Structure formats: structure tokens, C-alpha cells
């Protein structure tokens, strides 16, 4: 089965609109991107735009001298929480300076001479939050009254209570968020080829001008993902506490902070006008006013010939904001990433509906559909048909970030010109399995190198097809 898209709108009368798809061709000087109704060639040239964005130097939590001092909080409790986070992170600094910081050192050479490209291959719009990830037992969750495997929004008091309970536990800080996991994995995979141009990746969102905001921006920069949004003054950067139990289930507590506000400003509009694929994180639909920004961004992306991808992100989020999801998915989305439960929620199906039938149904409304089903594998859907992708063998250690990694594999395959759906799915499954087999949500640099090398044969044998009559 080759990759070809049919654009359909979601309304009382579903009207298909056929358009030609052109996959990227492997070339040292140029590559192609799927574009709506037309073919766009993007040359591998760059222009310097350093003056538009301030890139600061930041080593660890202790290196705050290059950032503005943290403003006085309106609430003493919130200030105490922020101080607790800083103190705890500093105390655990030795724990954190292992794989993550070694990767930072490894990537210094690649980012030191970075200049902003003429266009972004992928621009992500999502929640920018610092992750605090640790391993706990079931008793820990029970004592705090937390339901295992769920995601919950918390206020600063609840956040402080959990962090206090974690004293004595080992955990790490990272530039987190579901979307950032995908973007970092994609950037690491996309910078490992000597034959093809690097995949240029950026993110827009909302962080404060506080210590954690500076940490977030710098961590992404070191991973070759450029964070384009300016920091917000007199605010607090959002955080997510990720608690993983020995059975590899994750429980997440999100404190939104600045991530709850994402504005469509001139810098975001400029970035969207220069991107080939826009990825919208589903968690943004939880925020009251963000749907306006999402709509404007999607319209701008479409008007400039970009593809629009949406991550389903969370079942409860879909159920609470079902109409908003379909407003975007039905009118703008070209790709959607979901697990089977999220896909069922989008289709309004019950829990007994099979993964294959859900994928087939959803692909009648969205040109390309990716639906994962854990250890049972995944499906990729196009035009009412579904292709089964078997899982890549691994011993699960931490399922957190599996879907994010899978999405990066899909994007990587599309951008590198893989036209066969099974090959794209196989790439995605291998990336996901690699992340599941480790502790933590990020694809490591060493693993990205091995994966990119193993994918070379699929890129070499990929045949680009432009016919839309056959699937």
C-alpha cells in the first residue's frame, strides 16, 4: 500500500476533495514535502535570523545568572513551591547529570553554529512544561489518593504536597511535555544522516522568564529544537510530575502555569508561515481560550501550504472538548496521532470497538491516521483502509512517551520520503520500542544514531508514488 491522501471535510454531508501528494525525495540539496494542491520545493539553504530570537546559555539549575531575576509571586504559597522545586532540583543535580547531560555535551558541536533555516520542516504548538519524573510504588499513590495511570490537573498547593512526599525519592527534571518528546526524537533522528539534509524542528508555546523557563528553552536548544516564543514576565512556568510504578504505568500531575496561555502573536504567525508541517498538541484543547489560537494557527498553516497534524493526547480531554477537537480535526487535520482509546473517543465508539474498525472509520475523515494499541501493535489508516503494523520486540521498562516516540517515527518517515505505509509504521514502531525499553521519555542520541542507520535501506528502496487512484 502506498501513501496517498484524500482530503475530506467533517459536516452533515461528507464531501471528499482529492489532492495530489508528493513525498520528499532523497537529495543532498533539496527535499520535497507533501503539500496541499501543489508541489513545493524547499532548498537546503539557510539564512541567519539570530537577531530575531535571543538564545541564552544555561548549564544546570544552578546557572541562573544569565536570566532575569524571578519576579515576586502574588501568592506566598506559590513562591514556596517554586523554591521547593529549585532546592530539590539542585540537591538532585548529581543524579541528573548522567545520560541527559552527556547528550548535551555530545550535541554542543551541532548547535554551536546553528542558524535559523529559511523554513521549518516541523513546527510544534504545544504545552511547554518542565517534567519531574520519578519511580514510586503503588503504596505511594494510595497514600496521596492518586489513581494510577491517570492525568490530573493540580493547583500549586497539590503540587507542593506531592513534591514534599517525594523527598527521598530519586527523580529528574527535563524539558517535558508530550509534544516536546516527539520533536526532540524527530530532531535527533533527522540530524544523523550524512546523505540527507537535517530535519529542522521548532516549537512554540508559553514559558515564563523564571528559572524553569530558562531551563526549558535551553534543554530544547541543546536537542536541536528551537523554542521560538518569547518568555512571559511575572509568571510561573508549568510543571508536570510524572510518577512511574514498577508495572510501567505512569500517573501525571500537571500544574499549567504559563502553559495555559498561548497567544497568536507576530512571532508565531511568522513561524507558521514558514513551516511545512504544523503539529498541534491535543492537551492545548484543555485551555479555555486556546482554541482561538489553534484555529488561527491552522488557518495560517493551510494558507501557506503546510500540512496540519493533531495529537489526540488524552481521552478525558477529548470527551470534555469533543466539539472543539472536531472543529479542528474535521476542517484542518491531514494527520492525526492517537492511541486506540483516544481514537474511540474521537469516533464516539464504545470500548468494544476493535482497533482496526476505529482506524478505518477515522481515516474517512482524516487523510492519514495513526492508531497505536500498546503491545498489540498499531494501525495506519488511509481512505477507509487500515494497515496493521506489528509491534517491535522489546522488554517494557517505562511506557511513558511511547506514543510520542511513535509519532516522531511517522513524521520522520514522511519527511524522508518513505511512501509505503508498512515501512513508515515499522520505523515508528522501532522508535517507540526503543523508548519503551528505557527509563525516561526521550530518545537518546546513541539510540537515534543506530535507528537512523538502520532506516537507511528503507529510504533507499522507497519509491515515491504520485497516483491517487490506488491504495
Foldseek 3Di string as FASTA:
>chain_A
DFAAFWAWFDDPDIDIDHAWFFFWAFFAFWTWAGFGRDTDIDTPDFDADCVQDDDDDDQALVRCPGFDAADDAPDPLLVVLVVLVSVVQVVQVVVACDQLVVLLVVLCVVLVPDGGGQFAAEEEEAFWAKEKEFEDAPVLCVVLVHDFQEEEEDESVSSSVSSVSCVVTHIHIARDDLQLQLQLLLQLLQVQDPRGHRHQAEYEAAAASHSVSSRNQNSSSSSRYHYFDDYHGNWHRKYKYWYAYQVQTIYIYIHRIGRLDGDDDPRLLVNLLRYAEYEYELVNLVRDPCLVVVVVSLVSNNVNGHAYEYELHDLVSCQVRVVSVSVCQSPGHQEYFEEQSSLCSNVVHDPPDDQQQSQLVSQCRHQWYWYAHPQQFIWIDGNSGIDTAHADDADFRHQPQLSSQLVSLLSNCRNLRATDPNLSNNSSRVRSRQQRRDPDNHDRSVNSNVSSVVSVVSSVPGDIDRDNPDD
